[in-house]
N, C-alpha and C. Protein backbone atom coordinates (compact mmCIF):
# COMPACT_ATOMS: atom_id res chain seq x y z
N MET A 1 121.83 -151.61 -156.49
CA MET A 1 121.56 -151.33 -154.86
C MET A 1 121.77 -150.03 -153.77
N GLU A 2 120.99 -150.33 -152.88
CA GLU A 2 121.37 -149.46 -151.60
C GLU A 2 121.47 -150.20 -150.34
N MET A 3 122.00 -150.10 -149.91
CA MET A 3 121.82 -150.50 -148.30
C MET A 3 121.69 -149.31 -147.26
N LYS A 4 120.69 -149.89 -146.64
CA LYS A 4 120.45 -148.76 -145.37
C LYS A 4 121.05 -149.18 -143.90
N GLU A 5 121.44 -148.20 -143.69
CA GLU A 5 122.16 -148.33 -142.67
C GLU A 5 120.55 -148.50 -141.25
N GLU A 6 120.85 -149.95 -140.30
CA GLU A 6 120.46 -150.24 -139.62
C GLU A 6 120.83 -149.35 -138.47
N LYS A 7 119.80 -149.21 -137.55
CA LYS A 7 120.17 -148.74 -136.34
C LYS A 7 120.14 -149.37 -135.62
N SER A 8 120.85 -149.26 -134.16
CA SER A 8 120.74 -150.29 -133.04
C SER A 8 119.40 -150.56 -132.49
N LEU A 9 119.56 -151.27 -131.61
CA LEU A 9 118.55 -150.90 -130.93
C LEU A 9 118.65 -149.24 -129.90
N GLY A 10 119.00 -149.71 -128.54
CA GLY A 10 119.97 -148.29 -128.48
C GLY A 10 119.67 -147.01 -129.05
N ASP A 11 119.89 -146.69 -130.07
CA ASP A 11 119.26 -145.88 -131.44
C ASP A 11 117.74 -145.81 -131.28
N LEU A 12 117.29 -146.95 -131.82
CA LEU A 12 115.88 -146.47 -131.76
C LEU A 12 115.27 -146.45 -130.33
N PHE A 13 115.41 -146.90 -129.08
CA PHE A 13 114.92 -147.11 -128.51
C PHE A 13 115.18 -145.09 -127.71
N ALA A 14 116.24 -144.57 -128.34
CA ALA A 14 116.39 -142.71 -128.07
C ALA A 14 115.28 -142.30 -129.52
N ASP A 15 114.77 -143.10 -129.96
CA ASP A 15 114.87 -142.08 -130.86
C ASP A 15 113.23 -141.84 -130.51
N LEU A 16 112.42 -143.73 -130.24
CA LEU A 16 111.06 -143.47 -129.89
C LEU A 16 111.40 -142.36 -128.65
N THR A 17 111.88 -142.44 -127.55
CA THR A 17 111.76 -141.64 -126.40
C THR A 17 111.54 -140.13 -126.92
N ARG A 18 112.46 -140.55 -127.68
CA ARG A 18 112.59 -138.47 -128.70
C ARG A 18 111.00 -138.27 -129.13
N GLU A 19 110.55 -138.60 -129.91
CA GLU A 19 109.40 -138.87 -130.17
C GLU A 19 108.33 -138.53 -129.14
N SER A 20 108.18 -140.13 -128.59
CA SER A 20 107.38 -139.95 -127.53
C SER A 20 106.69 -139.19 -126.85
N SER A 21 108.22 -137.63 -126.66
CA SER A 21 108.07 -136.66 -125.97
C SER A 21 107.71 -135.59 -126.81
N ALA A 22 108.25 -135.96 -128.16
CA ALA A 22 107.75 -135.19 -128.52
C ALA A 22 105.93 -134.79 -128.42
N LEU A 23 105.85 -135.91 -129.09
CA LEU A 23 104.17 -136.30 -129.10
C LEU A 23 103.30 -135.70 -127.80
N ILE A 24 103.80 -136.23 -126.76
CA ILE A 24 103.23 -135.21 -125.38
C ILE A 24 103.19 -134.39 -125.06
N ARG A 25 104.66 -133.49 -124.75
CA ARG A 25 104.56 -132.23 -126.08
C ARG A 25 103.50 -131.49 -126.71
N GLN A 26 103.26 -132.28 -127.63
CA GLN A 26 102.33 -131.05 -128.70
C GLN A 26 101.19 -131.66 -128.10
N GLU A 27 100.45 -132.58 -127.15
CA GLU A 27 98.98 -133.20 -127.66
C GLU A 27 98.99 -132.77 -125.99
N ILE A 28 99.37 -131.53 -124.96
CA ILE A 28 99.24 -131.00 -123.90
C ILE A 28 99.00 -129.81 -124.52
N ASN A 29 100.23 -129.40 -125.80
CA ASN A 29 99.35 -127.38 -126.37
C ASN A 29 98.43 -127.39 -126.69
N LEU A 30 98.16 -128.47 -127.34
CA LEU A 30 96.87 -128.92 -127.73
C LEU A 30 95.40 -129.11 -126.43
N ALA A 31 95.96 -129.57 -125.95
CA ALA A 31 95.17 -129.52 -124.75
C ALA A 31 94.78 -128.20 -124.48
N LYS A 32 96.22 -127.26 -123.73
CA LYS A 32 96.01 -125.79 -123.60
C LYS A 32 95.42 -124.55 -124.19
N ALA A 33 95.55 -125.16 -125.70
CA ALA A 33 94.90 -123.78 -126.47
C ALA A 33 93.77 -124.41 -126.88
N GLU A 34 93.16 -126.01 -126.86
CA GLU A 34 91.37 -125.68 -126.38
C GLU A 34 91.21 -125.54 -125.63
N MET A 35 91.57 -125.62 -124.18
CA MET A 35 90.87 -125.62 -122.85
C MET A 35 91.25 -123.86 -122.50
N SER A 36 92.15 -122.98 -123.44
CA SER A 36 91.52 -121.16 -123.53
C SER A 36 91.02 -120.84 -124.48
N GLN A 37 90.28 -121.77 -125.62
CA GLN A 37 88.92 -121.30 -126.14
C GLN A 37 87.79 -122.05 -125.65
N LYS A 38 87.82 -123.31 -124.72
CA LYS A 38 86.82 -122.65 -124.55
C LYS A 38 86.55 -121.84 -123.37
N ALA A 39 87.68 -121.42 -122.11
CA ALA A 39 87.28 -121.33 -121.45
C ALA A 39 86.89 -119.06 -122.43
N ALA A 40 87.83 -119.01 -123.01
CA ALA A 40 87.08 -118.03 -123.89
C ALA A 40 84.81 -117.87 -123.99
N LYS A 41 85.13 -119.17 -124.38
CA LYS A 41 83.45 -119.03 -124.90
C LYS A 41 83.37 -119.07 -123.45
N PHE A 42 83.14 -119.67 -122.68
CA PHE A 42 82.77 -120.12 -121.29
C PHE A 42 82.22 -118.36 -121.12
N GLY A 43 83.20 -117.33 -120.81
CA GLY A 43 83.34 -115.95 -120.60
C GLY A 43 82.66 -115.56 -121.05
N LYS A 44 82.60 -115.84 -122.63
CA LYS A 44 80.85 -115.16 -123.96
C LYS A 44 80.10 -115.37 -122.54
N ASP A 45 79.52 -116.15 -122.91
CA ASP A 45 78.09 -117.15 -122.80
C ASP A 45 77.80 -116.33 -121.15
N ALA A 46 78.75 -116.62 -119.93
CA ALA A 46 78.74 -115.98 -118.87
C ALA A 46 77.81 -114.51 -119.10
N THR A 47 78.09 -114.05 -119.89
CA THR A 47 79.01 -112.80 -119.93
C THR A 47 77.38 -111.20 -120.58
N THR A 48 76.57 -112.69 -121.86
CA THR A 48 75.95 -112.85 -122.03
C THR A 48 74.10 -113.25 -121.59
N VAL A 49 74.24 -114.14 -120.69
CA VAL A 49 73.53 -114.42 -119.77
C VAL A 49 73.44 -113.37 -118.76
N ALA A 50 74.24 -112.66 -117.79
CA ALA A 50 74.14 -112.01 -116.57
C ALA A 50 73.92 -110.72 -117.22
N ILE A 51 73.81 -110.82 -118.55
CA ILE A 51 73.41 -108.63 -119.40
C ILE A 51 71.93 -109.85 -119.23
N GLY A 52 71.56 -110.86 -120.01
CA GLY A 52 70.20 -111.16 -120.75
C GLY A 52 69.47 -111.01 -118.68
N GLY A 53 69.91 -111.63 -117.69
CA GLY A 53 69.28 -112.32 -116.04
C GLY A 53 68.64 -110.41 -116.36
N PHE A 54 69.69 -109.62 -115.96
CA PHE A 54 70.12 -108.19 -116.14
C PHE A 54 68.51 -107.75 -116.65
N VAL A 55 68.59 -107.41 -118.13
CA VAL A 55 66.90 -107.58 -118.41
C VAL A 55 65.70 -108.14 -117.82
N ALA A 56 65.96 -109.15 -117.70
CA ALA A 56 64.93 -109.17 -117.32
C ALA A 56 64.26 -108.74 -115.79
N TYR A 57 64.75 -108.75 -114.98
CA TYR A 57 64.66 -108.10 -113.55
C TYR A 57 64.58 -107.20 -113.66
N ALA A 58 65.23 -106.00 -115.01
CA ALA A 58 65.06 -104.56 -114.93
C ALA A 58 63.21 -104.88 -115.49
N GLY A 59 62.68 -106.27 -116.40
CA GLY A 59 61.96 -106.02 -116.89
C GLY A 59 60.86 -106.45 -115.84
N ALA A 60 61.25 -107.44 -114.61
CA ALA A 60 59.90 -107.17 -113.61
C ALA A 60 59.87 -106.66 -112.87
N LEU A 61 60.88 -105.71 -112.38
CA LEU A 61 60.40 -104.88 -111.70
C LEU A 61 59.66 -103.47 -112.39
N THR A 62 59.81 -102.71 -114.15
CA THR A 62 58.82 -102.66 -114.65
C THR A 62 57.15 -103.19 -114.31
N LEU A 63 57.49 -104.62 -114.21
CA LEU A 63 56.02 -105.46 -114.53
C LEU A 63 55.62 -104.97 -112.86
N PHE A 64 56.35 -105.44 -112.30
CA PHE A 64 55.53 -105.11 -110.22
C PHE A 64 54.80 -103.76 -110.74
N ALA A 65 55.96 -102.79 -110.62
CA ALA A 65 56.26 -101.01 -110.59
C ALA A 65 54.28 -100.95 -111.50
N SER A 66 53.91 -101.85 -112.44
CA SER A 66 52.90 -101.35 -113.86
C SER A 66 51.42 -101.64 -112.96
N LEU A 67 52.62 -102.88 -112.42
CA LEU A 67 50.97 -103.78 -111.74
C LEU A 67 50.30 -102.58 -110.40
N VAL A 68 51.02 -102.60 -109.91
CA VAL A 68 50.99 -101.54 -107.95
C VAL A 68 49.65 -100.31 -109.05
N LEU A 69 49.98 -99.65 -110.32
CA LEU A 69 49.46 -98.82 -111.10
C LEU A 69 48.22 -99.02 -111.12
N VAL A 70 48.89 -100.22 -112.42
CA VAL A 70 46.83 -100.66 -112.33
C VAL A 70 45.82 -100.74 -111.21
N LEU A 71 46.04 -101.78 -110.37
CA LEU A 71 45.28 -101.47 -108.75
C LEU A 71 44.94 -100.11 -108.67
N VAL A 72 45.97 -98.91 -108.78
CA VAL A 72 45.44 -97.96 -108.32
C VAL A 72 44.98 -97.18 -108.93
N ASP A 73 44.98 -96.69 -110.11
CA ASP A 73 43.77 -96.85 -110.63
C ASP A 73 42.50 -97.18 -111.41
N PHE A 74 42.44 -98.48 -111.47
CA PHE A 74 41.08 -99.49 -111.56
C PHE A 74 40.50 -99.51 -110.51
N LEU A 75 41.47 -99.85 -109.05
CA LEU A 75 40.03 -100.20 -108.21
C LEU A 75 40.59 -99.33 -106.84
N ASN A 76 41.27 -97.80 -107.29
CA ASN A 76 41.23 -97.23 -106.28
C ASN A 76 41.35 -97.87 -105.69
N MET A 77 42.82 -98.61 -105.02
CA MET A 77 43.79 -98.40 -103.91
C MET A 77 44.26 -97.87 -104.15
N ALA A 78 44.57 -97.68 -102.67
CA ALA A 78 45.64 -96.46 -101.12
C ALA A 78 47.33 -97.52 -101.96
N PRO A 79 47.75 -95.99 -102.47
CA PRO A 79 49.57 -96.71 -103.56
C PRO A 79 50.07 -97.41 -102.63
N SER A 80 49.98 -97.11 -101.10
CA SER A 80 51.22 -97.86 -100.03
C SER A 80 50.32 -99.64 -99.93
N LEU A 81 49.07 -99.46 -100.06
CA LEU A 81 48.56 -100.82 -99.80
C LEU A 81 48.75 -101.81 -101.09
N ALA A 82 48.70 -101.04 -102.62
CA ALA A 82 48.60 -101.50 -103.66
C ALA A 82 50.59 -101.93 -103.81
N ALA A 83 51.48 -101.56 -103.23
CA ALA A 83 52.74 -101.53 -103.67
C ALA A 83 52.63 -103.25 -102.22
N PHE A 84 52.12 -102.21 -101.43
CA PHE A 84 52.45 -103.90 -100.16
C PHE A 84 52.01 -105.59 -100.94
N LEU A 85 50.69 -104.82 -101.42
CA LEU A 85 49.89 -106.66 -101.70
C LEU A 85 51.02 -107.04 -102.40
N VAL A 86 50.92 -106.02 -103.68
CA VAL A 86 52.07 -106.43 -104.76
C VAL A 86 53.96 -106.78 -104.89
N ALA A 87 54.32 -106.76 -104.07
CA ALA A 87 54.77 -107.27 -103.25
C ALA A 87 55.39 -108.03 -102.40
N VAL A 88 54.15 -108.73 -101.65
CA VAL A 88 53.82 -109.75 -101.29
C VAL A 88 53.01 -110.85 -102.37
N ILE A 89 52.60 -110.73 -102.49
CA ILE A 89 52.60 -111.44 -103.83
C ILE A 89 54.09 -112.31 -104.20
N ALA A 90 54.76 -111.54 -104.96
CA ALA A 90 56.30 -111.26 -105.22
C ALA A 90 56.72 -112.30 -104.42
N LEU A 91 56.56 -111.88 -103.29
CA LEU A 91 57.83 -112.57 -102.38
C LEU A 91 56.57 -114.30 -101.58
N ILE A 92 55.91 -113.95 -102.29
CA ILE A 92 54.77 -115.78 -102.10
C ILE A 92 55.77 -116.51 -103.12
N GLY A 93 55.67 -116.05 -104.18
CA GLY A 93 55.82 -116.45 -105.87
C GLY A 93 57.53 -116.87 -105.93
N GLY A 94 58.53 -115.68 -105.95
CA GLY A 94 59.54 -116.49 -104.81
C GLY A 94 59.44 -117.26 -104.23
N GLY A 95 59.51 -117.39 -103.35
CA GLY A 95 59.45 -118.44 -102.54
C GLY A 95 59.30 -119.92 -102.58
N VAL A 96 58.26 -120.17 -103.15
CA VAL A 96 57.20 -120.99 -103.96
C VAL A 96 58.71 -121.91 -105.28
N MET A 97 59.15 -120.98 -106.02
CA MET A 97 59.90 -121.21 -106.43
C MET A 97 61.30 -121.96 -105.90
N ALA A 98 62.20 -120.49 -105.66
CA ALA A 98 63.46 -121.14 -104.79
C ALA A 98 63.10 -122.60 -103.62
N MET A 99 61.93 -122.69 -103.57
CA MET A 99 61.82 -124.39 -102.77
C MET A 99 61.58 -125.37 -103.44
N GLY A 100 61.50 -124.73 -105.03
CA GLY A 100 61.63 -125.86 -105.88
C GLY A 100 60.48 -126.36 -106.53
N GLY A 101 58.83 -125.55 -105.79
CA GLY A 101 57.71 -126.47 -106.11
C GLY A 101 57.83 -125.41 -107.33
């Protein structure tokens, strides 16, 4: 039967301190890695949202231009009046949305 060498209380505390420090360093490194991963995903998602917003904005401008052409062609409205009317409607709609209503 082998006899195990028992560690002194000081050695046990030294081991505890060393292992606790190692665990804390590992947890910090893990947190850094997770944050880097989340930041990269956030950047990718933000880019996607920005591109989607730009495309939607371009679509809205095209829709407004089409509405001006419809007013000019089908209602025989003057182009400047049609553009003014569409702009006023867009501004009113945007103002209502901005106020949260």
